[in-house]
């Protein structure tokens, strides 16, 4: 998958990116890509996300490799 993003300067008051600058397009790409494995596993896309959610207090770990 591929995405392109651009930054644009304006003189208006920023409305704010709530989850970080430039994060919305990559987040959309990742969320869209999750639907393929869900279909392959014969799960509803929401169920795949529910099973893999990070819960409060769980450590965030990087995948080996």
C-alpha atoms as a PDB file:
ATOM      1  CA  UNK A   1       0.000   0.000   0.000  1.00  0.00           C
ATOM      2  CA  UNK A   2       1.072   3.563  -0.549  1.00  0.00           C
ATOM      3  CA  UNK A   3      -0.148   6.947   0.515  1.00  0.00           C
ATOM      4  CA  UNK A   4       0.920  10.526  -0.170  1.00  0.00           C
ATOM      5  CA  UNK A   5       0.557  13.355   2.335  1.00  0.00           C
ATOM      6  CA  UNK A   6       1.226  17.061   2.017  1.00  0.00           C
ATOM      7  CA  UNK A   7       1.682  19.864   4.519  1.00  0.00           C
ATOM      8  CA  UNK A   8       0.090  23.174   3.677  1.00  0.00           C
ATOM      9  CA  UNK A   9       0.622  26.512   5.424  1.00  0.00           C
ATOM     10  CA  UNK A  10      -2.416  28.718   5.899  1.00  0.00           C
ATOM     11  CA  UNK A  11      -3.051  31.852   7.910  1.00  0.00           C
ATOM     12  CA  UNK A  12      -6.132  30.434   9.624  1.00  0.00           C
ATOM     13  CA  UNK A  13      -6.445  29.297  13.215  1.00  0.00           C
ATOM     14  CA  UNK A  14      -5.429  25.644  13.450  1.00  0.00           C
ATOM     15  CA  UNK A  15      -8.284  23.291  14.211  1.00  0.00           C
ATOM     16  CA  UNK A  16      -5.832  20.718  15.509  1.00  0.00           C
ATOM     17  CA  UNK A  17      -4.885  17.167  14.728  1.00  0.00           C
ATOM     18  CA  UNK A  18      -5.956  15.360  17.850  1.00  0.00           C
ATOM     19  CA  UNK A  19      -3.708  12.367  17.374  1.00  0.00           C
ATOM     20  CA  UNK A  20      -0.588  14.045  16.129  1.00  0.00           C
ATOM     21  CA  UNK A  21       0.618  15.947  13.125  1.00  0.00           C
ATOM     22  CA  UNK A  22       0.275  13.960   9.908  1.00  0.00           C
ATOM     23  CA  UNK A  23      -1.107  10.862  11.594  1.00  0.00           C
ATOM     24  CA  UNK A  24      -4.570  10.649  10.096  1.00  0.00           C
ATOM     25  CA  UNK A  25      -3.656   9.301   6.656  1.00  0.00           C
ATOM     26  CA  UNK A  26      -1.284   6.561   7.883  1.00  0.00           C
ATOM     27  CA  UNK A  27      -3.844   5.578  10.541  1.00  0.00           C
ATOM     28  CA  UNK A  28      -6.502   5.274   7.836  1.00  0.00           C
ATOM     29  CA  UNK A  29      -4.142   3.117   5.725  1.00  0.00           C
ATOM     30  CA  UNK A  30      -3.389   0.785   8.636  1.00  0.00           C
ATOM     31  CA  UNK A  31      -7.049   0.488   9.591  1.00  0.00           C
ATOM     32  CA  UNK A  32      -7.980  -0.245   5.978  1.00  0.00           C
ATOM     33  CA  UNK A  33      -5.229  -2.864   5.730  1.00  0.00           C
ATOM     34  CA  UNK A  34      -6.625  -4.649   8.812  1.00  0.00           C
ATOM     35  CA  UNK A  35      -9.790  -5.559   6.920  1.00  0.00           C
ATOM     36  CA  UNK A  36      -7.915  -7.989   4.615  1.00  0.00           C
ATOM     37  CA  UNK A  37      -6.578 -10.249   7.396  1.00  0.00           C
ATOM     38  CA  UNK A  38      -9.980 -10.092   9.101  1.00  0.00           C
ATOM     39  CA  UNK A  39     -11.644 -11.431   5.951  1.00  0.00           C
ATOM     40  CA  UNK A  40      -8.953 -14.118   5.573  1.00  0.00           C
ATOM     41  CA  UNK A  41      -9.615 -15.241   9.161  1.00  0.00           C
ATOM     42  CA  UNK A  42     -13.378 -15.077   8.561  1.00  0.00           C
ATOM     43  CA  UNK A  43     -13.789 -12.515  11.340  1.00  0.00           C
ATOM     44  CA  UNK A  44     -15.703  -9.294  11.347  1.00  0.00           C
ATOM     45  CA  UNK A  45     -13.203  -6.413  11.076  1.00  0.00           C
ATOM     46  CA  UNK A  46     -14.398  -5.047  14.430  1.00  0.00           C
ATOM     47  CA  UNK A  47     -13.840  -8.434  16.099  1.00  0.00           C
ATOM     48  CA  UNK A  48     -10.230  -8.563  14.875  1.00  0.00           C
ATOM     49  CA  UNK A  49      -9.607  -5.126  16.355  1.00  0.00           C
ATOM     50  CA  UNK A  50     -11.355  -6.074  19.610  1.00  0.00           C
ATOM     51  CA  UNK A  51      -9.123  -9.128  20.029  1.00  0.00           C
ATOM     52  CA  UNK A  52      -5.957  -7.096  19.448  1.00  0.00           C
ATOM     53  CA  UNK A  53      -6.712  -3.940  21.407  1.00  0.00           C
ATOM     54  CA  UNK A  54      -4.095  -2.673  23.852  1.00  0.00           C
ATOM     55  CA  UNK A  55      -5.659  -2.410  27.276  1.00  0.00           C
ATOM     56  CA  UNK A  56      -4.655   0.027  30.015  1.00  0.00           C
ATOM     57  CA  UNK A  57      -1.503  -1.149  31.783  1.00  0.00           C
ATOM     58  CA  UNK A  58      -0.345  -3.490  29.027  1.00  0.00           C
ATOM     59  CA  UNK A  59       3.205  -2.838  27.837  1.00  0.00           C
ATOM     60  CA  UNK A  60       3.669  -1.758  24.245  1.00  0.00           C
ATOM     61  CA  UNK A  61       6.224  -4.072  22.645  1.00  0.00           C
ATOM     62  CA  UNK A  62       7.933  -4.020  19.297  1.00  0.00           C
ATOM     63  CA  UNK A  63       7.658  -7.100  17.137  1.00  0.00           C
ATOM     64  CA  UNK A  64      10.872  -9.121  16.881  1.00  0.00           C
ATOM     65  CA  UNK A  65      12.662  -9.066  13.591  1.00  0.00           C
END
